[in-house]
């Protein structure tokens, strides 16, 4: 649904005491076989979970009496990416907490640290008010919160703590791998990290850059992560804009290490498939003058191994347990072949929302699609489905799985993999605390999509076509929504699917089995007519839509 950027303006307009518990964390030293002169000492920081690992890293790197400790959710990455650089700039660590409580290992570490003050990163869904209140017990100073309307504004607010003319690293706010390695470089250089939409510079980021007037801007990641358009926009804010990227996340991290730490004799290594351990470890590494490299679970990808060989470190620190970085990483063994893309990370616990349906996408012309989606009353939305687009360099006129998102007024999307015009089951699941959606094709998770939604939620089935003369012929069957946690007041569905109010330009949705809620079947059919010349699904809502709302205290 490429017109999803218009969803808010089009469709939504139509809706109206302290207990310290001892938890063991581990710092282990592993001997590596081989000549002493050629074999670095391998150290591992690990704990029973991501929180205990975070505490172990901080325990090894920071003395009591730090001026500040920054605290972020351990369930998502954006706030901590920018926050880690800010914490290092202020002389303190970054620690991870749960949205609803301070884990025992973190509590014990805060007791040891005695920070002068504590900064909470992100809104109340990321780190709840009860957590912020509990943190007051660990400092004699203030507990303050830095939060924006979205991840871009939160990072921009953090950048205000850096001196005018500071260096800036720019990374995509959609995914984490490129920015993980950048946290170490930023920490070492007292540089800020700002986040961007892949396609355009968010206003909050642009304003932060205008205020900061950075001496240099370094983009991390290839054009697929931070587009050439964003690179051109950045030129207005600094005389020096450069890009560091590689063929994959491992090569990008190695390139960042080579650029920022050319003579380092100690390094950190974290898992490239996840973010949790590196959120604390990256800033800690950079603050001690060490780069952060990424590894596969069982070996060093070739770019990582090459950078390790070039640096010839005397000490290598591994972040996380053996499930994250196994014995092949301990022995610095090079992978026999390029590791496959990391698996999609499914957040722990039950999702707040699960929306499933079977899509049979069809049509004719330059572009057509079939989607299911969820949105809130603030025009934040997430959509998953199948799209055929002859103008797309990914789709090339064949059906592709695709997700699309509107967050804080910004539209982003990503083609994922070839799909089919036959019946394809899809599921959209969303975890409220983690602010993460997972797109399932059948039972296989194929994408994580960070997105912040504010319940009450609304749900849609949709078919789209691009321009006048294009047609759509979709079947969307067995639509099923499970939503909410506070039952019966704020869960389930309200009323019946509405297929009469949201159809435009000749496209129309129809409920074909008359079921009012779960189990409903739909067709979306029609040929686009009446669309102005030069207009398409990027400029207008060109859709047939069925919609239903979350049950909300009787409404």
Protein backbone atom coordinates (compact mmCIF):
# COMPACT_ATOMS: atom_id res chain seq x y z
CA UNK A 1 0.00 0.00 0.00
CA UNK A 2 2.21 2.81 -1.25
CA UNK A 3 -0.52 5.34 -0.45
CA UNK A 4 -0.12 4.49 3.25
CA UNK A 5 1.64 7.85 3.69
CA UNK A 6 -1.79 9.42 3.10
CA UNK A 7 -3.56 7.09 5.47
CA UNK A 8 -3.73 9.53 8.35
CA UNK A 9 -5.07 12.41 6.25
CA UNK A 10 -7.39 10.23 4.19
CA UNK A 11 -8.83 7.35 6.17
CA UNK A 12 -8.30 8.56 9.72
CA UNK A 13 -10.10 11.78 8.95
CA UNK A 14 -13.15 9.55 8.50
CA UNK A 15 -12.91 7.84 11.87
CA UNK A 16 -13.44 10.24 14.50
CA UNK A 17 11.53 0.30 49.76
CA UNK A 18 14.68 -0.97 48.04
CA UNK A 19 15.45 -4.68 47.94
CA UNK A 20 18.84 -5.62 46.52
CA UNK A 21 18.90 -9.14 45.13
CA UNK A 22 22.22 -10.72 44.31
CA UNK A 23 22.27 -12.11 40.76
CA UNK A 24 25.40 -13.67 39.38
CA UNK A 25 27.06 -12.00 36.41
CA UNK A 26 30.19 -13.36 34.82
CA UNK A 27 33.40 -11.97 33.48
CA UNK A 28 35.43 -14.92 32.26
CA UNK A 29 38.90 -15.09 30.77
CA UNK A 30 39.41 -17.77 28.11
CA UNK A 31 42.79 -18.99 27.00
CA UNK A 32 43.29 -19.30 23.25
CA UNK A 33 45.67 -21.98 22.04
CA UNK A 34 48.64 -20.93 19.96
CA UNK A 35 51.88 -18.97 20.30
CA UNK A 36 51.68 -16.43 23.11
CA UNK A 37 52.86 -13.62 20.87
CA UNK A 38 50.01 -14.20 18.41
CA UNK A 39 47.13 -15.12 20.71
CA UNK A 40 45.06 -12.40 22.37
CA UNK A 41 43.48 -12.83 25.76
CA UNK A 42 39.78 -13.54 25.31
CA UNK A 43 37.45 -12.06 27.95
CA UNK A 44 33.71 -12.61 28.07
CA UNK A 45 31.07 -10.49 29.82
CA UNK A 46 27.86 -12.43 30.27
CA UNK A 47 24.89 -12.85 32.57
CA UNK A 48 21.78 -14.94 32.93
CA UNK A 49 19.90 -12.57 30.61
CA UNK A 50 20.42 -9.30 28.71
CA UNK A 51 20.00 -7.29 31.90
CA UNK A 52 22.59 -9.26 33.84
CA UNK A 53 24.96 -9.00 30.86
CA UNK A 54 24.42 -5.23 30.79
CA UNK A 55 25.25 -5.10 34.50
CA UNK A 56 28.38 -7.24 34.00
CA UNK A 57 29.69 -4.93 31.27
CA UNK A 58 29.16 -1.84 33.39
CA UNK A 59 30.66 -3.49 36.48
CA UNK A 60 33.89 -4.15 34.57
CA UNK A 61 34.16 -0.68 33.02
CA UNK A 62 32.88 1.94 35.46
CA UNK A 63 33.88 2.87 39.02
CA UNK A 64 31.43 3.91 41.75
CA UNK A 65 30.54 7.56 41.78
CA UNK A 66 29.85 8.01 38.07
CA UNK A 67 28.29 11.41 37.35
CA UNK A 68 25.31 9.88 35.58
CA UNK A 69 23.74 6.60 34.51
CA UNK A 70 21.47 6.39 31.49
CA UNK A 71 18.69 3.79 31.51
CA UNK A 72 16.82 2.43 28.46
CA UNK A 73 14.47 -0.42 27.66
CA UNK A 74 16.16 -3.70 26.88
CA UNK A 75 13.35 -4.71 24.52
CA UNK A 76 14.05 -2.26 21.69
CA UNK A 77 17.06 -0.43 20.30
CA UNK A 78 16.40 3.16 19.07
CA UNK A 79 16.50 5.07 22.36
CA UNK A 80 19.62 3.24 23.52
CA UNK A 81 21.52 3.78 20.26
CA UNK A 82 21.46 7.55 20.63
CA UNK A 83 21.45 7.32 24.41
CA UNK A 84 24.64 5.29 24.57
CA UNK A 85 26.56 8.06 22.81
CA UNK A 86 25.00 10.67 25.11
CA UNK A 87 25.86 8.60 28.19
CA UNK A 88 29.49 8.26 27.13
CA UNK A 89 29.66 11.99 26.41
CA UNK A 90 28.46 12.66 29.96
CA UNK A 91 30.91 10.16 31.50
CA UNK A 92 28.44 7.45 32.46
CA UNK A 93 27.19 4.01 31.40
CA UNK A 94 24.00 2.86 29.70
CA UNK A 95 22.01 0.19 31.53
CA UNK A 96 18.99 -1.81 30.38
CA UNK A 97 15.69 -2.21 32.22
CA UNK A 98 12.32 -3.77 31.53
CA UNK A 99 9.33 -1.55 30.78
CA UNK A 100 7.71 -2.39 34.12
CA UNK A 101 10.55 -3.04 36.57
CA UNK A 102 14.25 -2.70 37.37
CA UNK A 103 15.82 -6.17 36.99
CA UNK A 104 17.68 -7.38 40.11
CA UNK A 105 21.11 -7.38 38.42
CA UNK A 106 20.61 -3.76 37.30
CA UNK A 107 19.41 -2.75 40.76
CA UNK A 108 22.52 -4.27 42.32
CA UNK A 109 24.77 -2.53 39.80
CA UNK A 110 23.13 0.84 40.46
CA UNK A 111 23.70 0.34 44.18
CA UNK A 112 27.40 -0.19 43.43
CA UNK A 113 27.65 2.69 40.97
CA UNK A 114 26.00 5.36 43.13
CA UNK A 115 25.37 7.59 40.08
CA UNK A 116 25.11 11.33 40.64
CA UNK A 117 21.89 11.35 38.62
CA UNK A 118 19.88 9.05 36.35
CA UNK A 119 18.47 9.75 32.89
CA UNK A 120 15.60 7.62 31.63
CA UNK A 121 15.40 7.24 27.84
CA UNK A 122 12.14 7.00 25.95
CA UNK A 123 8.47 7.36 26.72
CA UNK A 124 6.34 5.66 29.34
CA UNK A 125 5.65 2.64 27.14
CA UNK A 126 9.39 2.01 26.82
CA UNK A 127 10.24 2.65 30.48
CA UNK A 128 7.15 2.93 32.66
CA UNK A 129 6.47 5.58 35.32
CA UNK A 130 6.88 2.99 38.08
CA UNK A 131 10.41 2.24 36.87
CA UNK A 132 11.32 5.93 36.80
CA UNK A 133 10.01 6.28 40.36
CA UNK A 134 11.91 3.20 41.54
CA UNK A 135 15.17 4.53 40.08
CA UNK A 136 15.11 7.47 42.50
CA UNK A 137 16.23 5.08 45.22
CA UNK A 138 19.60 4.62 43.49
CA UNK A 139 20.73 8.23 43.29
CA UNK A 140 20.83 11.28 45.53
CA UNK A 141 20.41 13.44 42.43
CA UNK A 142 17.60 13.76 39.95
CA UNK A 143 15.85 11.18 37.80
CA UNK A 144 14.86 12.84 34.52
CA UNK A 145 13.31 11.50 31.35
CA UNK A 146 14.34 12.28 27.76
CA UNK A 147 11.57 11.36 25.37
CA UNK A 148 10.19 12.63 22.09
CA UNK A 149 7.16 11.92 19.99
CA UNK A 150 9.19 9.21 18.23
CA UNK A 151 12.71 7.74 18.11
CA UNK A 152 13.96 10.54 15.86
CA UNK A 153 12.86 13.27 18.25
CA UNK A 154 14.26 11.42 21.26
CA UNK A 155 17.68 11.19 19.56
CA UNK A 156 17.44 14.85 18.56
CA UNK A 157 16.72 15.86 22.15
CA UNK A 158 19.76 13.90 23.34
CA UNK A 159 21.94 15.68 20.78
CA UNK A 160 21.23 18.97 22.56
CA UNK A 161 23.67 17.81 25.25
CA UNK A 162 26.63 17.90 22.85
CA UNK A 163 28.84 20.91 22.22
CA UNK A 164 28.29 22.97 19.10
CA UNK A 165 30.48 21.67 16.32
CA UNK A 166 30.57 18.10 17.64
CA UNK A 167 30.81 15.26 15.16
CA UNK A 168 27.60 13.43 14.28
CA UNK A 169 26.92 9.88 13.15
CA UNK A 170 23.72 9.31 11.18
CA UNK A 171 22.09 5.88 11.10
CA UNK A 172 18.74 4.49 10.03
CA UNK A 173 16.10 4.42 12.74
CA UNK A 174 14.49 1.36 11.16
CA UNK A 175 17.14 -1.21 12.06
CA UNK A 176 20.04 -1.56 14.46
CA UNK A 177 23.17 -3.26 13.00
CA UNK A 178 24.92 -0.26 11.42
CA UNK A 179 24.41 1.95 14.45
CA UNK A 180 25.67 -0.69 16.92
CA UNK A 181 29.26 -0.33 15.73
CA UNK A 182 28.79 3.44 15.46
CA UNK A 183 28.05 3.66 19.20
CA UNK A 184 31.65 2.75 19.97
CA UNK A 185 33.04 5.26 17.46
CA UNK A 186 30.70 7.99 18.72
CA UNK A 187 31.62 7.30 22.34
CA UNK A 188 35.34 7.51 21.57
CA UNK A 189 34.94 10.78 19.64
CA UNK A 190 32.34 12.43 21.90
CA UNK A 191 30.08 12.44 18.85
CA UNK A 192 26.30 12.39 18.79
CA UNK A 193 24.19 9.73 17.09
CA UNK A 194 21.10 10.91 15.22
CA UNK A 195 18.57 8.68 13.48
CA UNK A 196 16.93 9.12 10.11
CA UNK A 197 14.16 7.68 8.04
CA UNK A 198 15.76 5.75 5.17
CA UNK A 199 14.20 7.97 2.50
CA UNK A 200 14.07 11.45 3.99
CA UNK A 201 15.52 13.41 6.91
CA UNK A 202 12.95 13.74 9.73
CA UNK A 203 12.24 17.34 10.82
CA UNK A 204 13.47 16.67 14.37
CA UNK A 205 16.78 15.36 13.05
CA UNK A 206 17.14 18.31 10.68
CA UNK A 207 16.49 20.78 13.51
CA UNK A 208 19.03 19.06 15.76
CA UNK A 209 21.66 19.27 13.01
CA UNK A 210 20.91 22.95 12.40
CA UNK A 211 21.39 23.67 16.10
CA UNK A 212 24.48 21.50 16.53
CA UNK A 213 26.26 22.69 13.35
CA UNK A 214 28.44 19.57 13.30
CA UNK A 215 32.03 19.72 12.11
CA UNK A 216 31.44 16.46 10.25
CA UNK A 217 28.61 14.04 9.55
CA UNK A 218 29.29 10.35 9.04
CA UNK A 219 26.55 8.21 7.54
CA UNK A 220 26.75 4.57 8.59
CA UNK A 221 25.27 2.01 6.24
CA UNK A 222 24.63 1.71 2.53
CA UNK A 223 22.06 3.59 0.45
CA UNK A 224 19.42 0.99 1.26
CA UNK A 225 19.65 2.02 4.91
CA UNK A 226 20.25 5.76 4.44
CA UNK A 227 19.35 6.88 0.92
CA UNK A 228 21.23 9.17 -1.43
CA UNK A 229 18.40 11.67 -0.93
CA UNK A 230 19.15 11.84 2.80
CA UNK A 231 22.85 12.20 2.02
CA UNK A 232 22.06 15.19 -0.18
CA UNK A 233 19.90 16.73 2.54
CA UNK A 234 22.71 16.34 5.09
CA UNK A 235 25.06 18.45 2.98
CA UNK A 236 23.15 21.53 4.15
CA UNK A 237 24.25 20.99 7.75
CA UNK A 238 28.01 20.30 7.60
CA UNK A 239 30.92 20.96 5.25
CA UNK A 240 31.97 17.32 5.53
CA UNK A 241 29.54 14.46 4.88
CA UNK A 242 31.00 10.99 4.42
CA UNK A 243 29.55 7.49 4.30
CA UNK A 244 30.96 4.32 5.84
CA UNK A 245 29.37 1.11 4.61
CA UNK A 246 30.07 -2.46 3.68
CA UNK A 247 28.42 -5.32 1.87
CA UNK A 248 26.65 -6.39 5.06
CA UNK A 249 26.44 -5.51 8.76
CA UNK A 250 29.74 -7.24 9.49
CA UNK A 251 31.61 -5.38 6.77
CA UNK A 252 30.06 -2.07 7.85
CA UNK A 253 31.17 -2.61 11.45
CA UNK A 254 34.67 -3.53 10.27
CA UNK A 255 34.82 -0.38 8.12
CA UNK A 256 33.76 1.77 11.08
CA UNK A 257 36.43 0.16 13.24
CA UNK A 258 39.10 0.75 10.60
CA UNK A 259 38.13 4.41 10.25
CA UNK A 260 37.70 5.27 13.92
CA UNK A 261 40.18 2.93 15.65
CA UNK A 262 43.09 2.33 13.24
CA UNK A 263 45.58 1.50 15.99
CA UNK A 264 43.41 -0.19 18.63
CA UNK A 265 45.04 -3.08 20.49
CA UNK A 266 41.89 -4.24 22.23
CA UNK A 267 38.46 -4.87 20.71
CA UNK A 268 34.92 -5.82 21.63
CA UNK A 269 32.84 -8.33 19.66
CA UNK A 270 29.04 -8.66 19.84
CA UNK A 271 26.47 -10.78 18.05
CA UNK A 272 25.38 -9.29 14.73
CA UNK A 273 21.95 -10.85 14.89
CA UNK A 274 20.72 -9.02 18.00
CA UNK A 275 21.13 -5.69 19.70
CA UNK A 276 20.81 -6.17 23.45
CA UNK A 277 24.40 -6.89 24.53
CA UNK A 278 25.88 -4.24 22.24
CA UNK A 279 23.62 -1.46 23.52
CA UNK A 280 25.63 -1.33 26.75
CA UNK A 281 28.82 -2.77 25.30
CA UNK A 282 29.27 -0.39 22.37
CA UNK A 283 29.54 2.81 24.45
CA UNK A 284 31.68 1.00 27.02
CA UNK A 285 34.05 -0.16 24.27
CA UNK A 286 34.34 3.29 22.72
CA UNK A 287 34.86 5.00 26.08
CA UNK A 288 37.91 2.78 26.57
CA UNK A 289 39.22 3.41 23.05
CA UNK A 290 38.10 0.10 21.58
CA UNK A 291 35.99 -0.65 18.48
CA UNK A 292 32.94 -2.90 18.42
CA UNK A 293 32.94 -5.63 15.76
CA UNK A 294 30.10 -8.02 14.95
CA UNK A 295 30.16 -11.80 14.65
CA UNK A 296 27.93 -14.69 13.65
CA UNK A 297 26.98 -17.09 16.48
CA UNK A 298 29.64 -19.67 15.62
CA UNK A 299 32.43 -17.85 13.77
CA UNK A 300 33.90 -14.57 12.55
CA UNK A 301 32.55 -13.41 9.17
CA UNK A 302 35.35 -12.64 6.73
CA UNK A 303 35.24 -8.82 7.17
CA UNK A 304 35.40 -9.19 10.96
CA UNK A 305 38.23 -11.71 10.78
CA UNK A 306 40.18 -9.45 8.41
CA UNK A 307 39.87 -6.46 10.75
CA UNK A 308 40.91 -8.57 13.74
CA UNK A 309 43.96 -9.71 11.77
CA UNK A 310 44.81 -6.13 10.79
CA UNK A 311 44.54 -4.77 14.33
CA UNK A 312 46.24 -7.80 15.95
CA UNK A 313 44.69 -7.01 19.34
CA UNK A 314 46.15 -8.23 22.60
CA UNK A 315 42.69 -8.42 24.21
CA UNK A 316 39.34 -9.43 22.74
CA UNK A 317 36.18 -8.95 24.80
CA UNK A 318 33.09 -10.97 23.90
CA UNK A 319 29.64 -9.69 24.85
CA UNK A 320 27.05 -12.29 25.81
CA UNK A 321 26.99 -15.99 26.52
CA UNK A 322 27.90 -18.94 24.34
CA UNK A 323 24.45 -19.01 22.73
CA UNK A 324 25.17 -15.57 21.28
CA UNK A 325 28.88 -16.08 20.57
CA UNK A 326 30.01 -19.69 20.59
CA UNK A 327 33.37 -21.40 20.85
CA UNK A 328 34.19 -20.67 17.22
CA UNK A 329 34.11 -16.97 18.07
CA UNK A 330 36.21 -17.57 21.19
CA UNK A 331 38.88 -19.16 19.00
CA UNK A 332 38.52 -16.36 16.41
CA UNK A 333 37.69 -18.89 13.71
CA UNK A 334 36.76 -17.45 10.31
CA UNK A 335 33.42 -18.56 8.87
CA UNK A 336 33.79 -20.97 5.98
CA UNK A 337 31.19 -18.97 4.03
CA UNK A 338 29.22 -15.79 4.48
CA UNK A 339 26.73 -16.24 7.33
CA UNK A 340 23.05 -16.11 6.38
CA UNK A 341 21.04 -13.03 7.34
CA UNK A 342 20.23 -13.10 11.06
CA UNK A 343 16.90 -14.55 12.03
CA UNK A 344 13.99 -12.25 12.75
CA UNK A 345 13.82 -11.55 16.49
CA UNK A 346 10.39 -12.22 17.97
CA UNK A 347 9.87 -10.29 21.24
CA UNK A 348 9.22 -12.26 24.40
CA UNK A 349 5.71 -12.69 25.76
CA UNK A 350 2.32 -12.49 24.11
CA UNK A 351 1.72 -9.76 21.53
CA UNK A 352 -0.82 -7.03 22.22
CA UNK A 353 -2.17 -7.51 18.67
CA UNK A 354 -2.37 -10.44 16.28
CA UNK A 355 -4.07 -9.85 12.91
CA UNK A 356 -4.09 -12.71 10.40
CA UNK A 357 -5.69 -13.30 7.01
CA UNK A 358 -5.11 -15.18 3.78
CA UNK A 359 -4.29 -12.88 0.86
CA UNK A 360 -4.83 -13.67 -2.80
CA UNK A 361 -3.44 -10.63 -4.56
CA UNK A 362 -4.38 -9.93 -8.15
CA UNK A 363 -4.93 -7.17 -10.65
CA UNK A 364 -3.69 -5.66 -13.88
CA UNK A 365 -1.64 -2.66 -14.92
CA UNK A 366 1.40 -1.00 -13.40
CA UNK A 367 0.75 -1.74 -9.74
CA UNK A 368 -1.73 -3.40 -7.34
CA UNK A 369 -1.62 -4.83 -3.82
CA UNK A 370 -3.40 -6.57 -0.93
CA UNK A 371 -2.79 -5.67 2.73
CA UNK A 372 -3.88 -5.98 6.31
CA UNK A 373 -3.05 -3.09 8.64
CA UNK A 374 -3.40 -1.54 12.06
CA UNK A 375 -3.33 2.13 13.00
CA UNK A 376 -4.07 4.43 15.92
CA UNK A 377 -5.89 7.74 16.22
CA UNK A 378 -2.61 9.67 15.84
CA UNK A 379 -1.97 8.51 12.24
CA UNK A 380 0.67 5.96 13.25
CA UNK A 381 0.19 2.79 11.23
CA UNK A 382 1.73 -0.52 10.21
CA UNK A 383 0.75 -2.58 7.17
CA UNK A 384 1.87 -5.97 5.84
CA UNK A 385 0.92 -7.61 2.60
CA UNK A 386 1.77 -8.39 -1.01
CA UNK A 387 2.40 -5.86 -3.76
CA UNK A 388 3.06 -6.12 -7.49
CA UNK A 389 4.80 -3.01 -8.81
CA UNK A 390 6.28 -2.73 -12.29
CA UNK A 391 7.99 0.55 -11.31
CA UNK A 392 9.85 -1.00 -8.36
CA UNK A 393 13.45 -2.20 -8.82
CA UNK A 394 12.69 -4.93 -6.26
CA UNK A 395 9.30 -6.15 -7.46
CA UNK A 396 9.86 -5.71 -11.23
CA UNK A 397 6.18 -6.44 -11.76
CA UNK A 398 6.04 -9.68 -9.74
CA UNK A 399 4.32 -10.09 -6.35
CA UNK A 400 6.52 -9.29 -3.33
CA UNK A 401 5.98 -9.36 0.40
CA UNK A 402 6.17 -5.80 1.70
CA UNK A 403 5.67 -3.87 4.94
CA UNK A 404 4.80 -0.20 5.19
CA UNK A 405 4.72 2.12 8.16
CA UNK A 406 3.68 5.63 9.10
CA UNK A 407 5.37 6.88 12.27
CA UNK A 408 5.27 10.48 13.42
CA UNK A 409 4.12 11.58 9.96
CA UNK A 410 6.92 9.72 8.14
CA UNK A 411 6.22 6.98 5.60
CA UNK A 412 8.68 4.10 5.12
CA UNK A 413 8.43 0.70 3.47
CA UNK A 414 10.52 -2.33 2.61
CA UNK A 415 10.15 -5.07 0.01
CA UNK A 416 11.18 -8.39 1.55
CA UNK A 417 10.95 -11.44 -0.71
CA UNK A 418 9.02 -12.81 -3.70
CA UNK A 419 5.47 -13.90 -2.91
CA UNK A 420 2.72 -15.37 -5.10
CA UNK A 421 -0.69 -14.54 -6.59
CA UNK A 422 -2.04 -17.70 -4.95
CA UNK A 423 -3.56 -17.80 -1.45
CA UNK A 424 -0.86 -16.64 1.00
CA UNK A 425 -1.50 -16.62 4.78
CA UNK A 426 0.01 -13.58 6.52
CA UNK A 427 0.04 -12.35 10.12
CA UNK A 428 0.80 -8.99 11.69
CA UNK A 429 1.76 -9.24 15.38
CA UNK A 430 2.63 -6.22 17.54
CA UNK A 431 4.21 -6.07 21.00
CA UNK A 432 3.31 -2.89 22.86
CA UNK A 433 6.20 -2.83 25.35
CA UNK A 434 8.80 -3.66 22.70
CA UNK A 435 7.20 -1.27 20.19
CA UNK A 436 7.90 -3.89 17.55
CA UNK A 437 5.79 -5.60 14.91
CA UNK A 438 6.62 -8.96 13.34
CA UNK A 439 5.43 -9.87 9.83
CA UNK A 440 4.77 -13.59 9.35
CA UNK A 441 4.43 -15.26 5.96
CA UNK A 442 2.58 -18.42 6.91
CA UNK A 443 4.19 -19.40 10.22
CA UNK A 444 7.61 -17.96 9.33
CA UNK A 445 8.62 -14.54 10.71
CA UNK A 446 10.13 -12.56 7.83
CA UNK A 447 10.58 -9.06 9.26
CA UNK A 448 10.80 -6.97 12.42
CA UNK A 449 9.29 -3.50 12.09
CA UNK A 450 9.79 -1.00 14.93
CA UNK A 451 6.55 0.94 15.33
CA UNK A 452 4.91 2.83 18.17
CA UNK A 453 1.13 2.63 18.30
CA UNK A 454 -1.13 4.16 20.94
CA UNK A 455 -4.25 2.05 21.59
CA UNK A 456 -7.19 2.35 20.83
CA UNK A 457 -6.36 0.60 17.55
CA UNK A 458 -8.20 0.31 14.23
CA UNK A 459 -7.81 -2.47 11.66
CA UNK A 460 -8.14 -2.57 7.91
CA UNK A 461 -8.16 -4.94 4.97
CA UNK A 462 -7.19 -3.20 1.77
CA UNK A 463 -6.57 -3.47 -1.94
CA UNK A 464 -4.87 -0.73 -3.97
CA UNK A 465 -3.97 0.14 -7.55
CA UNK A 466 -1.52 2.78 -8.78
CA UNK A 467 -2.99 4.91 -11.61
CA UNK A 468 -6.10 5.38 -13.71
CA UNK A 469 -6.73 2.23 -15.74
CA UNK A 470 -4.97 -0.10 -13.28
CA UNK A 471 -7.23 -2.66 -11.62
CA UNK A 472 -7.25 -4.77 -8.48
CA UNK A 473 -8.85 -8.17 -7.91
CA UNK A 474 -7.99 -9.28 -4.36
CA UNK A 475 -9.46 -11.91 -2.08
CA UNK A 476 -8.78 -11.49 1.65
CA UNK A 477 -10.21 -14.38 3.61
CA UNK A 478 -10.56 -15.47 7.24
CA UNK A 479 -9.57 -12.11 8.72
CA UNK A 480 -8.99 -12.62 12.44
CA UNK A 481 -7.96 -10.03 15.06
CA UNK A 482 -6.96 -10.66 18.66
CA UNK A 483 -6.19 -7.41 20.46
CA UNK A 484 -5.82 -6.00 23.97
CA UNK A 485 -4.72 -7.15 27.40
CA UNK A 486 -7.18 -5.42 29.76
CA UNK A 487 -10.21 -7.60 29.16
CA UNK A 488 -13.07 -7.13 28.82
CA UNK A 489 -12.80 -3.32 28.91
CA UNK A 490 -10.16 -2.75 26.23
CA UNK A 491 -9.90 -5.90 24.14
CA UNK A 492 -11.55 -7.58 21.21
CA UNK A 493 -13.45 -5.90 18.38
CA UNK A 494 -16.30 -3.42 18.35
CA UNK A 495 -19.19 -3.54 15.92
CA UNK A 496 -18.85 -4.99 12.43
CA UNK A 497 -16.51 -4.56 9.48
CA UNK A 498 -17.36 -1.39 7.55
CA UNK A 499 -16.82 -1.84 3.82
CA UNK A 500 -18.93 1.07 2.58
CA UNK A 501 -17.18 4.23 3.85
CA UNK A 502 -13.58 4.00 2.67
CA UNK A 503 -13.65 3.17 -1.05
CA UNK A 504 -12.10 5.55 -3.58
CA UNK A 505 -11.57 6.01 -7.34
CA UNK A 506 -13.60 3.02 -8.45
CA UNK A 507 -12.16 0.44 -6.04
CA UNK A 508 -14.46 -1.22 -3.49
CA UNK A 509 -14.26 -3.76 -0.68
CA UNK A 510 -17.08 -6.27 -0.09
CA UNK A 511 -17.72 -8.61 2.85
CA UNK A 512 -18.61 -11.82 1.04
CA UNK A 513 -19.71 -14.05 3.93
CA UNK A 514 -21.47 -11.43 6.10
CA UNK A 515 -19.54 -12.36 9.25
CA UNK A 516 -19.37 -9.15 11.30
CA UNK A 517 -16.01 -9.73 13.00
CA UNK A 518 -13.53 -12.62 13.02
CA UNK A 519 -13.68 -15.05 10.15
CA UNK A 520 -14.92 -12.47 7.66
CA UNK A 521 -14.05 -12.87 3.97
CA UNK A 522 -13.58 -9.98 1.54
CA UNK A 523 -13.00 -9.12 -2.06
CA UNK A 524 -11.47 -5.85 -3.20
CA UNK A 525 -12.13 -5.19 -6.86
CA UNK A 526 -12.38 -2.44 -9.41
CA UNK A 527 -10.54 -0.33 -11.96
CA UNK A 528 -9.14 3.07 -11.04
CA UNK A 529 -11.20 5.92 -12.52
CA UNK A 530 -11.39 9.64 -11.85
CA UNK A 531 -7.80 10.00 -10.62
CA UNK A 532 -6.27 13.26 -11.83
CA UNK A 533 -3.54 13.15 -14.43
CA UNK A 534 -0.12 12.86 -12.83
CA UNK A 535 -1.60 11.47 -9.59
CA UNK A 536 -1.09 7.95 -8.29
CA UNK A 537 -1.18 5.90 -5.10
CA UNK A 538 1.71 7.96 -3.69
CA UNK A 539 -0.31 11.19 -3.92
CA UNK A 540 -3.84 9.90 -3.23
CA UNK A 541 -5.63 7.13 -1.35
CA UNK A 542 -6.50 4.79 -4.23
CA UNK A 543 -8.07 1.94 -2.31
CA UNK A 544 -10.92 -0.33 -1.43
CA UNK A 545 -10.93 -0.72 2.35
CA UNK A 546 -12.79 -2.62 5.07
CA UNK A 547 -12.32 -1.34 8.61
CA UNK A 548 -13.16 -2.27 12.20
CA UNK A 549 -12.18 -0.84 15.59
CA UNK A 550 -10.85 -2.23 18.85
CA UNK A 551 -13.48 -2.53 21.59
CA UNK A 552 -12.87 0.37 23.94
CA UNK A 553 -14.93 0.64 27.12
CA UNK A 554 -18.22 0.05 25.37
CA UNK A 555 -17.39 1.87 22.15
